[in-house]
C-alpha atoms as a PDB file:
ATOM      1  CA  MET A   1     -30.989  43.146   3.727  1.00  0.00           C
ATOM      2  CA  SER A   2     -31.367  41.892   7.277  1.00  0.00           C
ATOM      3  CA  ASN A   3     -28.394  40.984   9.458  1.00  0.00           C
ATOM      4  CA  PRO A   4     -28.393  37.182  10.051  1.00  0.00           C
ATOM      5  CA  ASP A   5     -26.689  37.635  13.436  1.00  0.00           C
ATOM      6  CA  ALA A   6     -29.070  40.188  14.598  1.00  0.00           C
ATOM      7  CA  GLU A   7     -32.001  37.817  13.553  1.00  0.00           C
ATOM      8  CA  THR A   8     -30.301  34.980  15.464  1.00  0.00           C
ATOM      9  CA  ALA A   9     -29.834  37.009  18.595  1.00  0.00           C
ATOM     10  CA  LYS A  10     -33.401  38.096  18.343  1.00  0.00           C
ATOM     11  CA  GLY A  11     -34.523  34.355  18.080  1.00  0.00           C
ATOM     12  CA  CYS A  12     -32.416  33.661  21.163  1.00  0.00           C
ATOM     13  CA  ARG A  13     -34.094  36.292  23.191  1.00  0.00           C
ATOM     14  CA  VAL A  14     -37.559  35.113  22.161  1.00  0.00           C
ATOM     15  CA  LEU A  15     -36.540  31.627  23.253  1.00  0.00           C
ATOM     16  CA  LEU A  16     -35.081  32.627  26.557  1.00  0.00           C
ATOM     17  CA  LYS A  17     -38.186  34.548  27.363  1.00  0.00           C
ATOM     18  CA  SER A  18     -40.550  31.772  26.557  1.00  0.00           C
ATOM     19  CA  GLN A  19     -38.502  29.169  28.595  1.00  0.00           C
ATOM     20  CA  GLN A  20     -38.257  31.012  31.822  1.00  0.00           C
ATOM     21  CA  ARG A  21     -39.509  28.009  33.638  1.00  0.00           C
ATOM     22  CA  ASP A  22     -36.744  25.740  32.079  1.00  0.00           C
ATOM     23  CA  HIS A  23     -33.255  25.428  33.393  1.00  0.00           C
ATOM     24  CA  THR A  24     -30.933  28.313  32.535  1.00  0.00           C
ATOM     25  CA  ALA A  25     -28.222  26.102  31.330  1.00  0.00           C
ATOM     26  CA  SER A  26     -30.416  24.284  28.871  1.00  0.00           C
ATOM     27  CA  ALA A  27     -31.718  27.525  27.342  1.00  0.00           C
ATOM     28  CA  ARG A  28     -28.105  28.685  26.980  1.00  0.00           C
ATOM     29  CA  THR A  29     -27.234  25.475  25.287  1.00  0.00           C
ATOM     30  CA  VAL A  30     -29.976  25.818  22.761  1.00  0.00           C
ATOM     31  CA  CYS A  31     -29.172  29.503  22.185  1.00  0.00           C
ATOM     32  CA  PHE A  32     -25.509  28.395  21.326  1.00  0.00           C
ATOM     33  CA  LEU A  33     -26.906  25.920  18.787  1.00  0.00           C
ATOM     34  CA  VAL A  34     -28.569  28.783  16.925  1.00  0.00           C
ATOM     35  CA  MET A  35     -25.316  30.669  16.608  1.00  0.00           C
ATOM     36  CA  ALA A  36     -23.400  27.660  15.752  1.00  0.00           C
ATOM     37  CA  SER A  37     -25.838  26.351  13.088  1.00  0.00           C
ATOM     38  CA  LEU A  38     -25.906  29.824  11.376  1.00  0.00           C
ATOM     39  CA  SER A  39     -22.099  30.044  11.407  1.00  0.00           C
ATOM     40  CA  ALA A  40     -21.429  26.503  10.422  1.00  0.00           C
ATOM     41  CA  ALA A  41     -23.312  27.061   7.132  1.00  0.00           C
ATOM     42  CA  PHE A  42     -20.452  29.147   5.916  1.00  0.00           C
ATOM     43  CA  LEU A  43     -17.661  26.952   7.130  1.00  0.00           C
ATOM     44  CA  GLY A  44     -16.257  24.062   5.226  1.00  0.00           C
ATOM     45  CA  ASN A  45     -13.256  21.608   4.978  1.00  0.00           C
ATOM     46  CA  GLY A  46     -12.119  22.924   1.641  1.00  0.00           C
ATOM     47  CA  CYS A  47     -15.266  21.825  -0.160  1.00  0.00           C
ATOM     48  CA  THR A  48     -17.950  24.168  -1.576  1.00  0.00           C
ATOM     49  CA  THR A  49     -20.776  24.635   0.720  1.00  0.00           C
ATOM     50  CA  THR A  50     -24.095  26.660   0.823  1.00  0.00           C
ATOM     51  CA  PRO A  51     -26.155  27.739   3.745  1.00  0.00           C
ATOM     52  CA  GLY A  52     -27.930  24.834   5.335  1.00  0.00           C
ATOM     53  CA  GLN A  53     -25.845  22.293   3.408  1.00  0.00           C
ATOM     54  CA  ALA A  54     -23.213  20.179   5.076  1.00  0.00           C
ATOM     55  CA  ALA A  55     -19.749  20.152   3.482  1.00  0.00           C
ATOM     56  CA  SER A  56     -18.951  16.956   1.606  1.00  0.00           C
ATOM     57  CA  SER A  57     -16.490  14.455   3.163  1.00  0.00           C
ATOM     58  CA  ILE A  58     -15.192  10.923   2.736  1.00  0.00           C
ATOM     59  CA  TRP A  59     -17.521   9.620   5.348  1.00  0.00           C
ATOM     60  CA  PRO A  60     -20.695  11.734   5.603  1.00  0.00           C
ATOM     61  CA  THR A  61     -22.307  12.388   8.900  1.00  0.00           C
ATOM     62  CA  THR A  62     -24.864   9.887  10.393  1.00  0.00           C
ATOM     63  CA  SER A  63     -27.658  12.299   9.973  1.00  0.00           C
ATOM     64  CA  ARG A  64     -28.228  15.952   8.843  1.00  0.00           C
ATOM     65  CA  SER A  65     -30.660  18.402  10.310  1.00  0.00           C
ATOM     66  CA  THR A  66     -33.064  19.978   7.854  1.00  0.00           C
ATOM     67  CA  ASP A  67     -34.377  22.352  10.587  1.00  0.00           C
ATOM     68  CA  ASN A  68     -31.607  24.898  10.820  1.00  0.00           C
ATOM     69  CA  ASP A  69     -33.714  27.794   9.737  1.00  0.00           C
ATOM     70  CA  PRO A  70     -33.517  30.491  12.580  1.00  0.00           C
ATOM     71  CA  VAL A  71     -37.326  30.947  12.465  1.00  0.00           C
ATOM     72  CA  LYS A  72     -37.924  27.299  12.903  1.00  0.00           C
ATOM     73  CA  LEU A  73     -35.340  27.054  15.578  1.00  0.00           C
ATOM     74  CA  ARG A  74     -37.544  29.269  17.889  1.00  0.00           C
ATOM     75  CA  ASP A  75     -39.544  26.050  18.262  1.00  0.00           C
ATOM     76  CA  PRO A  76     -37.971  24.526  21.507  1.00  0.00           C
ATOM     77  CA  VAL A  77     -38.562  20.949  20.279  1.00  0.00           C
ATOM     78  CA  ARG A  78     -36.755  21.494  17.055  1.00  0.00           C
ATOM     79  CA  MET A  79     -34.032  23.271  18.867  1.00  0.00           C
ATOM     80  CA  HIS A  80     -33.331  20.388  21.119  1.00  0.00           C
ATOM     81  CA  VAL A  81     -33.472  18.037  18.140  1.00  0.00           C
ATOM     82  CA  ALA A  82     -31.029  20.138  16.298  1.00  0.00           C
ATOM     83  CA  TYR A  83     -28.679  20.322  19.222  1.00  0.00           C
ATOM     84  CA  GLY A  84     -28.956  16.630  19.760  1.00  0.00           C
ATOM     85  CA  GLN A  85     -28.125  15.903  16.069  1.00  0.00           C
ATOM     86  CA  TRP A  86     -25.164  18.273  16.375  1.00  0.00           C
ATOM     87  CA  ASN A  87     -23.815  16.290  19.404  1.00  0.00           C
ATOM     88  CA  GLU A  88     -24.557  13.104  17.727  1.00  0.00           C
ATOM     89  CA  ARG A  89     -22.356  14.006  14.789  1.00  0.00           C
ATOM     90  CA  SER A  90     -19.629  15.224  17.180  1.00  0.00           C
ATOM     91  CA  GLY A  91     -19.668  11.869  18.997  1.00  0.00           C
ATOM     92  CA  ASN A  92     -21.113  13.243  22.223  1.00  0.00           C
ATOM     93  CA  SER A  93     -23.756  10.556  22.859  1.00  0.00           C
ATOM     94  CA  LYS A  94     -24.470  11.572  26.395  1.00  0.00           C
ATOM     95  CA  GLU A  95     -25.306  15.178  25.458  1.00  0.00           C
ATOM     96  CA  ALA A  96     -27.268  14.006  22.379  1.00  0.00           C
ATOM     97  CA  ARG A  97     -29.432  11.755  24.449  1.00  0.00           C
ATOM     98  CA  ALA A  98     -30.195  14.462  26.943  1.00  0.00           C
ATOM     99  CA  SER A  99     -31.229  16.800  24.081  1.00  0.00           C
ATOM    100  CA  TYR A 100     -33.415  14.202  22.466  1.00  0.00           C
ATOM    101  CA  ASP A 101     -35.010  13.312  25.831  1.00  0.00           C
ATOM    102  CA  GLU A 102     -35.870  17.003  26.328  1.00  0.00           C
ATOM    103  CA  ALA A 103     -37.457  17.123  22.860  1.00  0.00           C
ATOM    104  CA  ILE A 104     -39.551  13.965  23.739  1.00  0.00           C
ATOM    105  CA  GLU A 105     -40.541  15.410  27.049  1.00  0.00           C
ATOM    106  CA  LYS A 106     -41.997  18.498  25.149  1.00  0.00           C
ATOM    107  CA  ASN A 107     -43.388  16.428  22.240  1.00  0.00           C
ATOM    108  CA  PRO A 108     -43.519  12.518  22.718  1.00  0.00           C
ATOM    109  CA  LYS A 109     -44.491  12.312  18.964  1.00  0.00           C
ATOM    110  CA  SER A 110     -41.308  14.039  17.708  1.00  0.00           C
ATOM    111  CA  VAL A 111     -40.163  11.764  14.907  1.00  0.00           C
ATOM    112  CA  ASP A 112     -36.715  13.339  14.709  1.00  0.00           C
ATOM    113  CA  ALA A 113     -36.203  12.883  18.472  1.00  0.00           C
ATOM    114  CA  LEU A 114     -37.390   9.277  18.336  1.00  0.00           C
ATOM    115  CA  LEU A 115     -35.067   8.420  15.477  1.00  0.00           C
ATOM    116  CA  GLY A 116     -32.223  10.269  17.340  1.00  0.00           C
ATOM    117  CA  LEU A 117     -32.656   8.056  20.303  1.00  0.00           C
ATOM    118  CA  ALA A 118     -32.980   4.968  18.063  1.00  0.00           C
ATOM    119  CA  ARG A 119     -29.638   5.789  16.388  1.00  0.00           C
ATOM    120  CA  LEU A 120     -27.880   6.083  19.855  1.00  0.00           C
ATOM    121  CA  ASP A 121     -29.429   2.763  20.878  1.00  0.00           C
ATOM    122  CA  ILE A 122     -28.149   1.102  17.665  1.00  0.00           C
ATOM    123  CA  LEU A 123     -24.729   2.536  18.487  1.00  0.00           C
ATOM    124  CA  GLY A 124     -24.903   1.218  21.932  1.00  0.00           C
ATOM    125  CA  GLY A 125     -26.004  -2.315  20.938  1.00  0.00           C
ATOM    126  CA  ARG A 126     -29.592  -1.841  22.365  1.00  0.00           C
ATOM    127  CA  HIS A 127     -31.430  -3.131  19.364  1.00  0.00           C
ATOM    128  CA  ALA A 128     -34.737  -3.972  21.037  1.00  0.00           C
ATOM    129  CA  ASP A 129     -34.973  -0.528  22.400  1.00  0.00           C
ATOM    130  CA  ALA A 130     -34.051   0.921  18.932  1.00  0.00           C
ATOM    131  CA  GLU A 131     -36.643  -1.180  17.313  1.00  0.00           C
ATOM    132  CA  THR A 132     -39.307   0.024  19.677  1.00  0.00           C
ATOM    133  CA  LEU A 133     -38.400   3.711  18.991  1.00  0.00           C
ATOM    134  CA  ILE A 134     -38.347   3.243  15.243  1.00  0.00           C
ATOM    135  CA  ALA A 135     -41.671   1.638  15.413  1.00  0.00           C
ATOM    136  CA  LYS A 136     -43.118   4.616  17.316  1.00  0.00           C
ATOM    137  CA  ALA A 137     -41.566   6.950  14.730  1.00  0.00           C
ATOM    138  CA  ALA A 138     -42.963   4.842  11.850  1.00  0.00           C
ATOM    139  CA  LYS A 139     -46.476   5.054  13.339  1.00  0.00           C
ATOM    140  CA  GLN A 140     -46.243   8.917  13.237  1.00  0.00           C
ATOM    141  CA  ALA A 141     -44.654   9.082   9.754  1.00  0.00           C
ATOM    142  CA  PRO A 142     -44.875   5.709   7.802  1.00  0.00           C
ATOM    143  CA  GLN A 143     -43.520   7.357   4.525  1.00  0.00           C
ATOM    144  CA  ASN A 144     -40.696   9.223   6.160  1.00  0.00           C
ATOM    145  CA  ALA A 145     -37.397   8.442   4.427  1.00  0.00           C
ATOM    146  CA  GLN A 146     -35.399   8.937   7.554  1.00  0.00           C
ATOM    147  CA  VAL A 147     -37.597   6.256   9.375  1.00  0.00           C
ATOM    148  CA  ARG A 148     -36.574   3.758   6.637  1.00  0.00           C
ATOM    149  CA  ALA A 149     -32.966   4.724   6.735  1.00  0.00           C
ATOM    150  CA  THR A 150     -32.781   4.388  10.539  1.00  0.00           C
ATOM    151  CA  ARG A 151     -34.470   1.018  10.278  1.00  0.00           C
ATOM    152  CA  GLY A 152     -31.741   0.074   7.616  1.00  0.00           C
ATOM    153  CA  GLN A 153     -29.045   1.061  10.256  1.00  0.00           C
ATOM    154  CA  LEU A 154     -30.718  -1.347  12.677  1.00  0.00           C
ATOM    155  CA  PHE A 155     -30.578  -4.237  10.219  1.00  0.00           C
ATOM    156  CA  GLU A 156     -27.123  -3.292   9.215  1.00  0.00           C
ATOM    157  CA  SER A 157     -25.929  -3.334  12.872  1.00  0.00           C
ATOM    158  CA  ARG A 158     -27.298  -6.965  13.039  1.00  0.00           C
ATOM    159  CA  GLY A 159     -25.502  -7.933   9.778  1.00  0.00           C
ATOM    160  CA  GLU A 160     -28.892  -8.439   8.059  1.00  0.00           C
ATOM    161  CA  TRP A 161     -27.723  -6.965   4.849  1.00  0.00           C
ATOM    162  CA  ALA A 162     -30.585  -7.867   2.464  1.00  0.00           C
ATOM    163  CA  LEU A 163     -33.021  -6.196   4.788  1.00  0.00           C
ATOM    164  CA  ALA A 164     -30.751  -3.245   5.375  1.00  0.00           C
ATOM    165  CA  ILE A 165     -30.361  -2.739   1.588  1.00  0.00           C
ATOM    166  CA  GLU A 166     -34.143  -2.926   1.029  1.00  0.00           C
ATOM    167  CA  GLU A 167     -34.646  -0.190   3.740  1.00  0.00           C
ATOM    168  CA  TYR A 168     -31.966   2.126   2.279  1.00  0.00           C
ATOM    169  CA  ARG A 169     -33.381   1.623  -1.213  1.00  0.00           C
ATOM    170  CA  ALA A 170     -36.903   2.637   0.137  1.00  0.00           C
ATOM    171  CA  ALA A 171     -35.191   5.762   1.757  1.00  0.00           C
ATOM    172  CA  VAL A 172     -33.526   6.730  -1.546  1.00  0.00           C
ATOM    173  CA  LYS A 173     -36.836   6.340  -3.390  1.00  0.00           C
ATOM    174  CA  LEU A 174     -38.607   8.458  -0.746  1.00  0.00           C
ATOM    175  CA  ALA A 175     -35.984  11.169  -0.716  1.00  0.00           C
ATOM    176  CA  PRO A 176     -33.825  10.982  -3.868  1.00  0.00           C
ATOM    177  CA  GLU A 177     -32.315  14.298  -3.156  1.00  0.00           C
ATOM    178  CA  GLU A 178     -30.922  13.186   0.195  1.00  0.00           C
ATOM    179  CA  THR A 179     -27.294  12.010  -0.632  1.00  0.00           C
ATOM    180  CA  ASN A 180     -26.739  10.503   2.780  1.00  0.00           C
ATOM    181  CA  HIS A 181     -29.254   7.815   2.186  1.00  0.00           C
ATOM    182  CA  ARG A 182     -27.615   6.843  -1.163  1.00  0.00           C
ATOM    183  CA  PHE A 183     -24.260   6.839   0.687  1.00  0.00           C
ATOM    184  CA  GLN A 184     -25.658   4.416   3.237  1.00  0.00           C
ATOM    185  CA  LEU A 185     -27.083   2.266   0.479  1.00  0.00           C
ATOM    186  CA  GLY A 186     -23.672   2.245  -1.325  1.00  0.00           C
ATOM    187  CA  THR A 187     -21.691   1.305   1.808  1.00  0.00           C
ATOM    188  CA  ALA A 188     -24.147  -1.471   2.762  1.00  0.00           C
ATOM    189  CA  LEU A 189     -23.917  -2.928  -0.764  1.00  0.00           C
ATOM    190  CA  ALA A 190     -20.165  -2.960  -0.553  1.00  0.00           C
ATOM    191  CA  LYS A 191     -20.120  -4.373   2.971  1.00  0.00           C
ATOM    192  CA  SER A 192     -22.473  -7.115   1.856  1.00  0.00           C
ATOM    193  CA  GLY A 193     -19.883  -8.170  -0.792  1.00  0.00           C
ATOM    194  CA  ASP A 194     -21.574  -6.455  -3.862  1.00  0.00           C
ATOM    195  CA  TYR A 195     -18.577  -4.079  -4.403  1.00  0.00           C
ATOM    196  CA  GLU A 196     -19.269  -2.948  -7.856  1.00  0.00           C
ATOM    197  CA  ALA A 197     -22.993  -1.999  -7.073  1.00  0.00           C
ATOM    198  CA  GLY A 198     -21.784  -0.296  -3.992  1.00  0.00           C
ATOM    199  CA  LEU A 199     -19.142   1.553  -6.015  1.00  0.00           C
ATOM    200  CA  ALA A 200     -21.852   2.726  -8.532  1.00  0.00           C
ATOM    201  CA  GLU A 201     -24.043   4.187  -5.775  1.00  0.00           C
ATOM    202  CA  LEU A 202     -21.228   5.841  -4.038  1.00  0.00           C
ATOM    203  CA  THR A 203     -19.836   7.288  -7.237  1.00  0.00           C
ATOM    204  CA  ARG A 204     -23.208   9.071  -7.823  1.00  0.00           C
ATOM    205  CA  VAL A 205     -22.894  10.929  -4.630  1.00  0.00           C
ATOM    206  CA  GLN A 206     -19.138  11.275  -4.195  1.00  0.00           C
ATOM    207  CA  GLY A 207     -17.401  11.019  -7.396  1.00  0.00           C
ATOM    208  CA  ALA A 208     -15.082   8.242  -8.645  1.00  0.00           C
ATOM    209  CA  ALA A 209     -12.058   9.001  -6.569  1.00  0.00           C
ATOM    210  CA  ILE A 210     -13.664   9.049  -3.112  1.00  0.00           C
ATOM    211  CA  ALA A 211     -16.044   6.159  -4.095  1.00  0.00           C
ATOM    212  CA  HIS A 212     -13.154   3.899  -5.080  1.00  0.00           C
ATOM    213  CA  TYR A 213     -11.408   4.831  -1.781  1.00  0.00           C
ATOM    214  CA  ASN A 214     -14.415   4.029   0.324  1.00  0.00           C
ATOM    215  CA  VAL A 215     -14.891   0.647  -1.353  1.00  0.00           C
ATOM    216  CA  GLY A 216     -11.092   0.046  -0.866  1.00  0.00           C
ATOM    217  CA  TYR A 217     -11.385   0.952   2.795  1.00  0.00           C
ATOM    218  CA  ILE A 218     -14.276  -1.619   3.396  1.00  0.00           C
ATOM    219  CA  LEU A 219     -12.130  -4.239   1.806  1.00  0.00           C
ATOM    220  CA  HIS A 220      -9.222  -3.129   3.981  1.00  0.00           C
ATOM    221  CA  GLU A 221     -11.239  -3.522   7.009  1.00  0.00           C
ATOM    222  CA  LYS A 222     -12.276  -6.967   5.939  1.00  0.00           C
ATOM    223  CA  GLY A 223      -8.509  -7.920   5.530  1.00  0.00           C
ATOM    224  CA  GLU A 224      -8.808  -8.293   1.669  1.00  0.00           C
ATOM    225  CA  ARG A 225      -5.688  -6.276   1.055  1.00  0.00           C
ATOM    226  CA  GLY A 226      -5.020  -7.315  -2.526  1.00  0.00           C
ATOM    227  CA  ALA A 227      -8.501  -6.179  -3.635  1.00  0.00           C
ATOM    228  CA  ALA A 228      -8.323  -3.093  -1.476  1.00  0.00           C
ATOM    229  CA  GLU A 229      -4.998  -2.103  -3.119  1.00  0.00           C
ATOM    230  CA  ARG A 230      -6.548  -2.076  -6.476  1.00  0.00           C
ATOM    231  CA  TYR A 231      -9.359   0.175  -5.468  1.00  0.00           C
ATOM    232  CA  PHE A 232      -6.951   2.536  -3.683  1.00  0.00           C
ATOM    233  CA  ALA A 233      -4.855   2.639  -6.752  1.00  0.00           C
ATOM    234  CA  LYS A 234      -7.746   3.463  -8.980  1.00  0.00           C
ATOM    235  CA  ALA A 235      -8.855   6.175  -6.544  1.00  0.00           C
ATOM    236  CA  LEU A 236      -5.403   7.801  -6.946  1.00  0.00           C
ATOM    237  CA  GLN A 237      -5.721   7.594 -10.782  1.00  0.00           C
ATOM    238  CA  PHE A 238      -8.926   9.626 -10.611  1.00  0.00           C
ATOM    239  CA  ASN A 239      -7.404  11.975  -7.957  1.00  0.00           C
ATOM    240  CA  PRO A 240      -3.646  11.968  -7.360  1.00  0.00           C
ATOM    241  CA  GLU A 241      -4.073  14.334  -4.361  1.00  0.00           C
ATOM    242  CA  LEU A 242      -6.245  11.933  -2.446  1.00  0.00           C
ATOM    243  CA  LYS A 243      -3.920  11.527   0.589  1.00  0.00           C
ATOM    244  CA  PRO A 244      -5.712   8.749   2.542  1.00  0.00           C
ATOM    245  CA  ALA A 245      -5.395   6.342  -0.458  1.00  0.00           C
ATOM    246  CA  GLY A 246      -1.736   7.174  -0.957  1.00  0.00           C
ATOM    247  CA  THR A 247      -1.038   6.719   2.730  1.00  0.00           C
ATOM    248  CA  ILE A 248      -2.534   3.239   2.891  1.00  0.00           C
ATOM    249  CA  LEU A 249      -0.858   2.242  -0.375  1.00  0.00           C
ATOM    250  CA  ALA A 250       2.466   3.324   1.076  1.00  0.00           C
ATOM    251  CA  GLN A 251       1.933   1.219   4.154  1.00  0.00           C
ATOM    252  CA  TYR A 252       1.049  -1.778   2.023  1.00  0.00           C
ATOM    253  CA  ARG A 253       4.176  -1.419  -0.030  1.00  0.00           C
ATOM    254  CA  GLU A 254       6.273  -0.970   3.106  1.00  0.00           C
ATOM    255  CA  ALA A 255       4.871  -4.128   4.542  1.00  0.00           C
ATOM    256  CA  ARG A 256       5.621  -6.075   1.414  1.00  0.00           C
ATOM    257  CA  GLY A 257       9.216  -4.813   1.485  1.00  0.00           C
ATOM    258  CA  GLN A 258       9.554  -5.975   5.103  1.00  0.00           C
ATOM    259  CA  ILE A 259       8.164  -9.455   4.099  1.00  0.00           C
ATOM    260  CA  SER A 260      10.691  -9.698   1.190  1.00  0.00           C
ATOM    261  CA  ALA A 261      13.538  -8.648   3.447  1.00  0.00           C
ATOM    262  CA  ASP A 262      12.557 -11.348   6.054  1.00  0.00           C
ATOM    263  CA  ALA A 263      12.328 -14.015   3.247  1.00  0.00           C
ATOM    264  CA  LEU A 264      15.722 -12.987   1.994  1.00  0.00           C
ATOM    265  CA  ALA A 265      17.194 -13.288   5.497  1.00  0.00           C
ATOM    266  CA  ARG A 266      15.868 -16.762   5.894  1.00  0.00           C
ATOM    267  CA  MET A 267      17.320 -17.736   2.520  1.00  0.00           C
ATOM    268  CA  GLU A 268      20.921 -16.463   3.631  1.00  0.00           C
ATOM    269  CA  ASN A 269      20.431 -17.969   7.101  1.00  0.00           C
ATOM    270  CA  PRO A 270      18.261 -21.173   7.008  1.00  0.00           C
ATOM    271  CA  GLU A 271      18.680 -21.721  10.809  1.00  0.00           C
ATOM    272  CA  SER A 272      16.779 -18.518  11.433  1.00  0.00           C
ATOM    273  CA  GLY A 273      13.934 -19.978   9.489  1.00  0.00           C
ATOM    274  CA  VAL A 274      13.910 -23.036  11.742  1.00  0.00           C
ATOM    275  CA  ARG A 275      13.710 -20.868  14.902  1.00  0.00           C
ATOM    276  CA  GLN A 276      10.749 -18.945  13.384  1.00  0.00           C
ATOM    277  CA  VAL A 277       8.643 -22.203  12.860  1.00  0.00           C
ATOM    278  CA  SER A 278       9.728 -23.969  15.905  1.00  0.00           C
ATOM    279  CA  GLY A 279       6.855 -22.587  17.950  1.00  0.00           C
ATOM    280  CA  LEU A 280       4.221 -24.104  15.681  1.00  0.00           C
ATOM    281  CA  VAL A 281       3.127 -27.157  17.588  1.00  0.00           C
ATOM    282  CA  LYS A 282      -0.024 -29.139  16.865  1.00  0.00           C
ATOM    283  CA  PRO A 283      -2.488 -29.250  19.730  1.00  0.00           C
ATOM    284  CA  GLU A 284      -2.144 -32.887  20.035  1.00  0.00           C
ATOM    285  CA  ASP A 285       1.629 -32.768  20.421  1.00  0.00           C
ATOM    286  CA  ALA A 286       1.623 -29.990  22.940  1.00  0.00           C
ATOM    287  CA  ASN A 287       2.180 -32.308  25.922  1.00  0.00           C
ATOM    288  CA  ARG A 288       4.909 -34.350  24.204  1.00  0.00           C
ATOM    289  CA  VAL A 289       7.189 -31.588  23.013  1.00  0.00           C
ATOM    290  CA  THR A 290      10.113 -30.794  25.361  1.00  0.00           C
ATOM    291  CA  GLY A 291      12.855 -28.372  24.579  1.00  0.00           C
ATOM    292  CA  ASP A 292      13.461 -26.522  21.358  1.00  0.00           C
ATOM    293  CA  PHE A 293      12.576 -28.028  18.007  1.00  0.00           C
ATOM    294  CA  LYS A 294      15.644 -29.049  16.081  1.00  0.00           C
ATOM    295  CA  ALA A 295      16.014 -29.993  12.448  1.00  0.00           C
ATOM    296  CA  GLU A 296      18.009 -33.241  12.125  1.00  0.00           C
ATOM    297  CA  SER A 297      20.501 -33.633   9.181  1.00  0.00           C
ATOM    298  CA  ALA A 298      19.203 -36.180   6.594  1.00  0.00           C
ATOM    299  CA  VAL A 299      21.393 -38.702   5.074  1.00  0.00           C
ATOM    300  CA  TYR A 300      20.518 -40.093   1.745  1.00  0.00           C
ATOM    301  CA  ARG A 301      21.772 -43.337   0.329  1.00  0.00           C
ATOM    302  CA  SER A 302      21.583 -44.821  -3.098  1.00  0.00           C
ATOM    303  CA  GLU A 303      19.466 -47.832  -3.402  1.00  0.00           C
ATOM    304  CA  SER A 304      21.632 -49.008  -6.332  1.00  0.00           C
ATOM    305  CA  MET A 305      25.000 -48.669  -4.705  1.00  0.00           C
ATOM    306  CA  ALA A 306      27.405 -51.507  -5.936  1.00  0.00           C
ATOM    307  CA  PRO A 307      29.735 -53.366  -3.463  1.00  0.00           C
ATOM    308  CA  PRO A 308      33.471 -52.977  -3.974  1.00  0.00           C
ATOM    309  CA  SER A 309      34.776 -55.140  -6.740  1.00  0.00           C
ATOM    310  CA  ASN A 310      37.742 -56.866  -4.822  1.00  0.00           C
ATOM    311  CA  LEU A 311      35.645 -58.632  -2.204  1.00  0.00           C
ATOM    312  CA  THR A 312      35.321 -62.357  -1.836  1.00  0.00           C
ATOM    313  CA  ASP A 313      31.957 -63.999  -1.851  1.00  0.00           C
ATOM    314  CA  ALA A 314      31.739 -64.138   1.867  1.00  0.00           C
ATOM    315  CA  GLN A 315      32.832 -60.495   2.249  1.00  0.00           C
ATOM    316  CA  ARG A 316      30.299 -59.451  -0.430  1.00  0.00           C
ATOM    317  CA  GLU A 317      27.527 -61.079   1.556  1.00  0.00           C
ATOM    318  CA  GLN A 318      28.517 -59.477   4.771  1.00  0.00           C
ATOM    319  CA  TRP A 319      28.630 -56.086   2.972  1.00  0.00           C
ATOM    320  CA  MET A 320      25.238 -56.570   1.679  1.00  0.00           C
ATOM    321  CA  ASN A 321      23.896 -57.455   5.184  1.00  0.00           C
ATOM    322  CA  GLN A 322      25.273 -54.127   6.607  1.00  0.00           C
ATOM    323  CA  GLN A 323      23.404 -52.056   3.942  1.00  0.00           C
ATOM    324  CA  VAL A 324      19.982 -53.439   5.069  1.00  0.00           C
ATOM    325  CA  GLN A 325      18.282 -50.379   6.799  1.00  0.00           C
ATOM    326  CA  PRO A 326      16.432 -51.273  10.100  1.00  0.00           C
END
């Protein structure tokens, strides 16, 4: 059985020899990728992994390279693409763009490099540039699932949920084994407001506990805390060890306890309630209000109060005149 590290080192030597005209730093960077990609296949975050397959997580990576085979990585274009994807996943947009640009320089028709640049443009809000790059990639590979998924990301970034969902569904149909496309479909459905449909798709790729957590988190970000709490609680029913769900639920309950304590304090000390609402002034009253708002004591009188019985007729008439309110 061959030694993977030896094969990798051999691949690096071949690459370095074939790229003598390139910058030394660039060659070293790509060589580092080969070693990292081989080692990363056996590292995980507590989840079961197999070589060439990313470890599962609550929020999967934006994209996943399918070109981590050491033999394929001897192709400079694919090596630059793979390193670009690695930097993209790590949040290093500048390094990722540089690697994708190098791949494009060597092969202007590289679909993976074009889509990588498109994703970076989507992230940076450069939608027109992203659309142009996606169109170029689609011209090279019209039935490529990643092309459809990246176009879905573009529509999603614009809030065009129906179009985004359509593209993600197409990506799932073209590559049903690619779980990340179904994840994108599920989150788009949930973000569009179709929570149960999103939950169904996410459950297929993540399991019930994490799927409920993700839908809950989408609701949490929308400010729909009541609905989010139900999804978080359900996630804990499926997996009591899911710490993120437990943490947010604890924060919700702590906030409710603080609100209850504040309400009790206002009941015990009504004046504190007056001070809290005194800052609420209607716009039309903003120029008329001077000083602090004060609540005046109200005096209530009975409309049926009878005059004293020992009054003369003249005194009774005088008493009645005094009770007329201005």
